[in-house]
Amino acid sequence: MIHKKPPSEMKTSPFMLSLSKHNPKLTTSLMSSNFQYKFIFLVLAISLLSACNNLLFQPQKNHYIEPEQIHIKAQNIYFKTSDGLTLHGWFLPAKKQAYASVLFLHGNAQNISTHIASVFWLPAAGFNVFLFDYRGYGYSEGTPDIDGLLIDFRAALDKLQTIRKVDPDKIFIFGQSLGAAISLSGLARYKQRKKIKGLIVEGAFTGYRKLSREVLNSFWLTWPFQWLLSYTITDCCRPIDAIKNISPVPVLIVHSKDDQIIPVHHALDLYAAARAPKQLWLYKGYAHIQIFNNKKNRSRLIKYLHARLSEK
């Protein structure tokens, strides 16, 4: 506990005492300016720390759209986590007999009502999709943090396997950006991961602290503080460490060389750290996690999924 001296015991410098005798107004002005500088510094420090936290989580509670508004068949799914929170997700059934199911983990901003754009096309190709919101996002309870999101991953994976029409032995995991990081760390901890048919990560990064340092380095206001502020970001559960323990699950790393949010070197480092079986798909001309907006790229992914399903 910090004990502060009462105002009567606060010491004033000899310079300020002398100045106050000759010019009380100037003394008051200087003291006021000193307070203002301290206040501005405090506000700046708080703003920078807040910015660091926002690097990881930018949840939106309200939905921008519901599936039926865009003529997508979906089932609302509510399920519990091991620490007692209720999470919400959508199950999009395949439009024909399902080949397999895909558990989708979205990025750090907004919620499933925007990220449905990344997977709405999979049911038409014969794949069930289960996308859900992490704690604190959308209709899910709680407040987001890394450990909590790993709990959410496990709860969602367990829930998917209980949904009717889902074959628990034919499940793929698809994560984008933050969702890629959670997928890697979550799957590395999953003891039954051998039953997972494959992991696809798009726009993934090697570590939370490393990425935050790069982001802080890119902005003039935070550049001088990049090393100090990066230490406010956790360095646990690094995807670069987790990917070494994914095998024998096949991992597909997808990244744009023109990604301005997460530079392509993260994908290269992850691929180097991963064990076989592994693949790296690099593209040009796409923004962050926008590669599968292209129908040709979607078709390539569908072929990849079928190839994994044909393996024994």
Protein backbone atom coordinates (compact mmCIF):
# COMPACT_ATOMS: atom_id res chain seq x y z
CA MET A 1 0.00 0.00 0.00
CA ILE A 2 1.31 3.46 -0.91
CA HIS A 3 1.02 6.10 1.78
CA LYS A 4 0.95 9.71 0.67
CA LYS A 5 2.03 12.66 2.78
CA PRO A 6 -0.74 15.08 3.76
CA PRO A 7 -0.64 18.45 1.96
CA SER A 8 0.74 20.18 5.03
CA GLU A 9 3.88 18.04 4.88
CA MET A 10 4.52 18.49 1.16
CA LYS A 11 7.81 20.23 0.50
CA THR A 12 8.12 23.21 -1.84
CA SER A 13 11.45 23.96 -3.49
CA PRO A 14 13.44 27.02 -2.23
CA PHE A 15 13.18 28.45 -5.74
CA MET A 16 9.38 28.31 -5.66
CA LEU A 17 9.27 29.77 -2.13
CA SER A 18 11.44 32.69 -3.19
CA LEU A 19 9.47 33.22 -6.37
CA SER A 20 6.17 33.19 -4.52
CA LYS A 21 7.24 36.13 -2.36
CA HIS A 22 7.94 38.33 -5.39
CA ASN A 23 5.33 37.17 -7.87
CA PRO A 24 2.51 35.03 -6.44
CA LYS A 25 0.54 35.05 -9.72
CA LEU A 26 3.51 33.75 -11.73
CA THR A 27 4.08 31.02 -9.15
CA THR A 28 0.47 29.93 -9.40
CA SER A 29 0.71 29.94 -13.19
CA LEU A 30 3.86 27.80 -13.19
CA MET A 31 2.37 25.32 -10.75
CA SER A 32 -0.78 25.18 -12.88
CA SER A 33 1.30 24.56 -16.02
CA ASN A 34 3.23 21.83 -14.24
CA PHE A 35 -0.04 20.17 -13.31
CA GLN A 36 -1.27 20.47 -16.89
CA TYR A 37 1.88 18.80 -18.25
CA LYS A 38 1.49 15.95 -15.77
CA PHE A 39 -2.17 15.61 -16.66
CA ILE A 40 -1.45 15.57 -20.40
CA PHE A 41 1.26 12.94 -19.89
CA LEU A 42 -1.13 10.84 -17.81
CA VAL A 43 -3.84 11.05 -20.47
CA LEU A 44 -1.31 10.15 -23.17
CA ALA A 45 -0.02 7.18 -21.16
CA ILE A 46 -3.55 5.90 -20.54
CA SER A 47 -4.44 6.38 -24.21
CA LEU A 48 -1.37 4.46 -25.34
CA LEU A 49 -2.04 1.61 -22.94
CA SER A 50 -5.65 1.53 -24.08
CA ALA A 51 -4.45 1.42 -27.68
CA CYS A 52 -2.28 -1.58 -26.80
CA ASN A 53 -5.26 -3.42 -25.37
CA ASN A 54 -7.30 -2.57 -28.46
CA LEU A 55 -4.63 -4.17 -30.62
CA LEU A 56 -5.93 -7.52 -29.41
CA PHE A 57 -9.65 -7.07 -28.86
CA GLN A 58 -12.13 -4.78 -30.61
CA PRO A 59 -15.48 -6.47 -29.91
CA GLN A 60 -18.83 -5.21 -31.12
CA LYS A 61 -21.92 -6.30 -29.20
CA ASN A 62 -24.62 -5.38 -31.73
CA HIS A 63 -25.14 -7.43 -34.85
CA TYR A 64 -24.94 -5.61 -38.16
CA ILE A 65 -27.05 -8.22 -39.92
CA GLU A 66 -28.79 -11.53 -39.28
CA PRO A 67 -28.43 -14.55 -41.62
CA GLU A 68 -32.06 -14.53 -42.74
CA GLN A 69 -31.68 -10.95 -43.97
CA ILE A 70 -29.20 -12.18 -46.57
CA HIS A 71 -31.08 -15.43 -47.23
CA ILE A 72 -28.64 -17.69 -45.40
CA LYS A 73 -30.05 -20.63 -43.50
CA ALA A 74 -28.67 -20.64 -39.96
CA GLN A 75 -29.41 -22.07 -36.55
CA ASN A 76 -28.73 -20.05 -33.41
CA ILE A 77 -26.56 -22.06 -31.05
CA TYR A 78 -26.01 -21.15 -27.39
CA PHE A 79 -23.51 -23.16 -25.39
CA LYS A 80 -21.61 -23.06 -22.11
CA THR A 81 -17.89 -22.75 -21.44
CA SER A 82 -16.08 -24.62 -18.70
CA ASP A 83 -15.97 -21.41 -16.63
CA GLY A 84 -19.72 -20.87 -16.84
CA LEU A 85 -20.19 -18.31 -19.61
CA THR A 86 -22.82 -18.59 -22.33
CA LEU A 87 -21.52 -18.13 -25.87
CA HIS A 88 -23.47 -17.64 -29.07
CA GLY A 89 -22.85 -18.93 -32.57
CA TRP A 90 -24.47 -19.80 -35.87
CA PHE A 91 -24.58 -23.22 -37.45
CA LEU A 92 -24.85 -23.03 -41.24
CA PRO A 93 -25.90 -26.45 -42.57
CA ALA A 94 -24.58 -27.74 -45.87
CA LYS A 95 -27.06 -27.31 -48.72
CA LYS A 96 -26.60 -30.97 -49.63
CA GLN A 97 -25.24 -34.03 -47.89
CA ALA A 98 -22.32 -32.66 -45.90
CA TYR A 99 -18.82 -33.82 -46.75
CA ALA A 100 -17.51 -32.42 -43.46
CA SER A 101 -17.89 -29.54 -41.00
CA VAL A 102 -15.81 -26.41 -40.48
CA LEU A 103 -15.30 -24.66 -37.14
CA PHE A 104 -14.60 -21.01 -37.94
CA LEU A 105 -12.78 -18.57 -35.64
CA HIS A 106 -12.92 -14.91 -36.68
CA GLY A 107 -10.54 -11.99 -36.23
CA ASN A 108 -10.24 -9.53 -33.35
CA ALA A 109 -12.84 -6.95 -34.42
CA GLN A 110 -16.65 -6.77 -34.64
CA ASN A 111 -18.45 -10.15 -34.44
CA ILE A 112 -19.86 -13.03 -36.47
CA SER A 113 -22.41 -10.78 -38.19
CA THR A 114 -19.59 -9.29 -40.28
CA HIS A 115 -17.26 -12.29 -40.39
CA ILE A 116 -19.97 -14.52 -41.85
CA ALA A 117 -18.78 -13.02 -45.14
CA SER A 118 -15.67 -15.20 -44.86
CA VAL A 119 -17.54 -18.52 -44.81
CA PHE A 120 -21.10 -18.09 -46.14
CA TRP A 121 -20.10 -19.83 -49.39
CA LEU A 122 -18.99 -23.09 -47.77
CA PRO A 123 -22.49 -24.63 -47.25
CA ALA A 124 -23.17 -24.43 -51.00
CA ALA A 125 -19.99 -26.46 -51.51
CA GLY A 126 -21.24 -29.17 -49.16
CA PHE A 127 -19.66 -28.15 -45.85
CA ASN A 128 -21.39 -27.37 -42.55
CA VAL A 129 -20.04 -24.26 -40.83
CA PHE A 130 -20.09 -23.39 -37.14
CA LEU A 131 -18.98 -19.83 -36.44
CA PHE A 132 -19.22 -18.39 -32.96
CA ASP A 133 -18.41 -15.26 -31.00
CA TYR A 134 -15.75 -15.24 -28.32
CA ARG A 135 -16.59 -13.99 -24.86
CA GLY A 136 -17.43 -10.28 -24.98
CA TYR A 137 -18.26 -10.36 -28.69
CA GLY A 138 -21.76 -10.22 -30.16
CA TYR A 139 -24.32 -12.06 -28.04
CA SER A 140 -21.68 -13.92 -26.02
CA GLU A 141 -21.20 -13.14 -22.35
CA GLY A 142 -18.00 -12.09 -20.60
CA THR A 143 -14.91 -10.04 -21.32
CA PRO A 144 -12.24 -11.16 -23.81
CA ASP A 145 -8.74 -12.26 -22.85
CA ILE A 146 -6.36 -14.81 -24.34
CA ASP A 147 -6.88 -17.52 -21.74
CA GLY A 148 -10.63 -17.06 -21.98
CA LEU A 149 -10.63 -17.35 -25.76
CA LEU A 150 -8.76 -20.63 -25.51
CA ILE A 151 -11.51 -21.89 -23.22
CA ASP A 152 -14.05 -20.67 -25.78
CA PHE A 153 -12.26 -22.56 -28.55
CA ARG A 154 -12.53 -25.83 -26.66
CA ALA A 155 -16.18 -25.23 -25.79
CA ALA A 156 -17.03 -24.50 -29.43
CA LEU A 157 -15.17 -27.56 -30.69
CA ASP A 158 -16.94 -29.76 -28.16
CA LYS A 159 -20.32 -28.25 -29.02
CA LEU A 160 -19.84 -28.73 -32.77
CA GLN A 161 -19.33 -32.44 -32.28
CA THR A 162 -22.74 -32.74 -30.60
CA ILE A 163 -24.74 -30.97 -33.32
CA ARG A 164 -27.00 -33.24 -35.34
CA LYS A 165 -25.76 -33.95 -38.89
CA VAL A 166 -22.14 -33.35 -37.83
CA ASP A 167 -19.69 -36.23 -38.19
CA PRO A 168 -17.21 -35.70 -35.30
CA ASP A 169 -14.53 -37.48 -37.31
CA LYS A 170 -14.79 -35.04 -40.21
CA ILE A 171 -14.04 -31.62 -38.79
CA PHE A 172 -11.77 -28.88 -40.14
CA ILE A 173 -10.76 -25.75 -38.24
CA PHE A 174 -10.44 -22.43 -40.06
CA GLY A 175 -9.06 -19.39 -38.24
CA GLN A 176 -8.38 -15.88 -39.47
CA SER A 177 -5.99 -13.38 -37.83
CA LEU A 178 -6.66 -13.56 -34.06
CA GLY A 179 -8.80 -16.62 -34.77
CA ALA A 180 -5.79 -18.23 -36.44
CA ALA A 181 -3.72 -17.65 -33.31
CA ILE A 182 -6.42 -19.09 -31.04
CA SER A 183 -6.87 -22.06 -33.39
CA LEU A 184 -3.17 -22.88 -33.29
CA SER A 185 -2.83 -22.61 -29.52
CA GLY A 186 -6.16 -24.31 -28.85
CA LEU A 187 -5.49 -27.24 -31.16
CA ALA A 188 -1.98 -27.74 -29.76
CA ARG A 189 -3.60 -28.27 -26.34
CA TYR A 190 -6.35 -30.53 -27.64
CA LYS A 191 -5.45 -34.12 -26.75
CA GLN A 192 -7.78 -35.61 -29.36
CA ARG A 193 -6.41 -33.42 -32.18
CA LYS A 194 -5.50 -36.47 -34.33
CA LYS A 195 -9.19 -36.74 -35.24
CA ILE A 196 -9.19 -33.20 -36.73
CA LYS A 197 -8.94 -33.40 -40.53
CA GLY A 198 -7.02 -30.19 -40.98
CA LEU A 199 -6.28 -26.66 -39.81
CA ILE A 200 -6.42 -23.65 -42.13
CA VAL A 201 -5.01 -20.34 -40.89
CA GLU A 202 -5.23 -17.10 -42.86
CA GLY A 203 -3.44 -13.90 -41.88
CA ALA A 204 -1.81 -15.56 -38.88
CA PHE A 205 0.94 -14.05 -36.73
CA THR A 206 3.79 -15.52 -34.70
CA GLY A 207 3.20 -13.83 -31.34
CA TYR A 208 1.06 -11.19 -29.67
CA ARG A 209 3.93 -9.11 -28.32
CA LYS A 210 5.91 -9.25 -31.55
CA LEU A 211 2.93 -8.12 -33.59
CA SER A 212 2.06 -5.33 -31.14
CA ARG A 213 5.62 -4.04 -31.34
CA GLU A 214 5.41 -3.91 -35.13
CA VAL A 215 2.09 -2.05 -34.98
CA LEU A 216 3.42 0.45 -32.44
CA ASN A 217 6.50 0.95 -34.59
CA SER A 218 4.35 1.98 -37.56
CA PHE A 219 2.75 4.99 -35.82
CA TRP A 220 4.78 8.10 -35.03
CA LEU A 221 3.05 8.72 -31.70
CA THR A 222 3.76 5.24 -30.35
CA TRP A 223 7.07 4.61 -32.12
CA PRO A 224 9.25 5.93 -29.23
CA PHE A 225 7.38 3.69 -26.78
CA GLN A 226 7.16 0.51 -28.87
CA TRP A 227 9.40 -1.64 -26.68
CA LEU A 228 8.03 -0.41 -23.37
CA LEU A 229 4.37 -0.60 -24.38
CA SER A 230 4.76 -3.99 -26.06
CA TYR A 231 5.48 -5.46 -22.64
CA THR A 232 1.91 -4.64 -21.63
CA ILE A 233 0.85 -7.28 -24.18
CA THR A 234 0.99 -10.92 -23.16
CA ASP A 235 3.67 -13.11 -24.68
CA CYS A 236 2.02 -16.35 -23.63
CA CYS A 237 0.43 -18.84 -26.01
CA ARG A 238 2.57 -17.80 -28.96
CA PRO A 239 1.37 -19.32 -32.24
CA ILE A 240 5.00 -19.86 -33.29
CA ASP A 241 5.36 -22.24 -30.35
CA ALA A 242 1.97 -23.89 -30.77
CA ILE A 243 2.37 -24.73 -34.44
CA LYS A 244 5.24 -27.07 -33.60
CA ASN A 245 2.76 -29.27 -31.73
CA ILE A 246 -0.05 -29.41 -34.32
CA SER A 247 1.31 -32.45 -36.19
CA PRO A 248 -0.02 -34.90 -37.33
CA VAL A 249 -2.91 -32.55 -38.16
CA PRO A 250 -2.29 -31.09 -41.66
CA VAL A 251 -1.84 -27.32 -41.47
CA LEU A 252 -2.43 -24.92 -44.35
CA ILE A 253 -1.00 -21.40 -43.95
CA VAL A 254 -2.57 -18.79 -46.24
CA HIS A 255 -1.27 -15.22 -46.44
CA SER A 256 -1.16 -12.20 -48.72
CA LYS A 257 2.23 -10.70 -49.56
CA ASP A 258 0.46 -7.34 -49.55
CA ASP A 259 -1.08 -7.73 -46.08
CA GLN A 260 -0.60 -4.34 -44.39
CA ILE A 261 -1.89 -5.52 -41.01
CA ILE A 262 0.18 -8.66 -40.50
CA PRO A 263 3.32 -8.76 -42.69
CA VAL A 264 3.98 -11.90 -44.69
CA HIS A 265 7.14 -12.73 -42.72
CA HIS A 266 4.84 -14.05 -39.97
CA ALA A 267 3.52 -16.70 -42.37
CA LEU A 268 7.03 -17.62 -43.48
CA ASP A 269 8.18 -17.99 -39.87
CA LEU A 270 5.15 -20.09 -38.97
CA TYR A 271 5.69 -22.36 -41.95
CA ALA A 272 9.35 -22.84 -41.03
CA ALA A 273 8.36 -23.78 -37.47
CA ALA A 274 5.55 -26.16 -38.47
CA ARG A 275 6.06 -29.87 -38.88
CA ALA A 276 4.78 -31.93 -41.79
CA PRO A 277 2.21 -32.26 -43.18
CA LYS A 278 2.10 -28.56 -44.04
CA GLN A 279 1.43 -26.23 -46.95
CA LEU A 280 1.99 -22.52 -47.55
CA TRP A 281 -0.15 -20.56 -50.00
CA LEU A 282 1.03 -17.02 -50.72
CA TYR A 283 -0.95 -14.54 -52.79
CA LYS A 284 -0.42 -11.03 -54.13
CA GLY A 285 -2.83 -8.12 -54.28
CA TYR A 286 -5.07 -8.96 -51.32
CA ALA A 287 -5.67 -7.02 -48.12
CA HIS A 288 -5.73 -8.69 -44.69
CA ILE A 289 -7.90 -11.86 -44.64
CA GLN A 290 -9.48 -11.06 -48.01
CA ILE A 291 -8.01 -13.90 -50.06
CA PHE A 292 -11.16 -16.04 -50.11
CA ASN A 293 -13.28 -13.22 -51.45
CA ASN A 294 -12.01 -14.53 -54.78
CA LYS A 295 -14.05 -17.45 -56.18
CA LYS A 296 -11.00 -19.07 -57.76
CA ASN A 297 -9.26 -19.13 -54.38
CA ARG A 298 -12.38 -20.58 -52.78
CA SER A 299 -12.40 -23.39 -55.33
CA ARG A 300 -8.78 -24.15 -54.56
CA LEU A 301 -9.59 -24.42 -50.85
CA ILE A 302 -12.55 -26.73 -51.54
CA LYS A 303 -10.25 -29.03 -53.53
CA TYR A 304 -7.78 -28.97 -50.64
CA LEU A 305 -10.51 -30.00 -48.18
CA HIS A 306 -11.59 -32.88 -50.39
CA ALA A 307 -7.98 -34.02 -50.74
CA ARG A 308 -7.63 -34.13 -46.96
CA LEU A 309 -10.88 -36.09 -46.65
CA SER A 310 -9.64 -38.69 -49.14
CA GLU A 311 -6.56 -39.40 -47.02
CA LYS A 312 -6.73 -42.27 -44.57
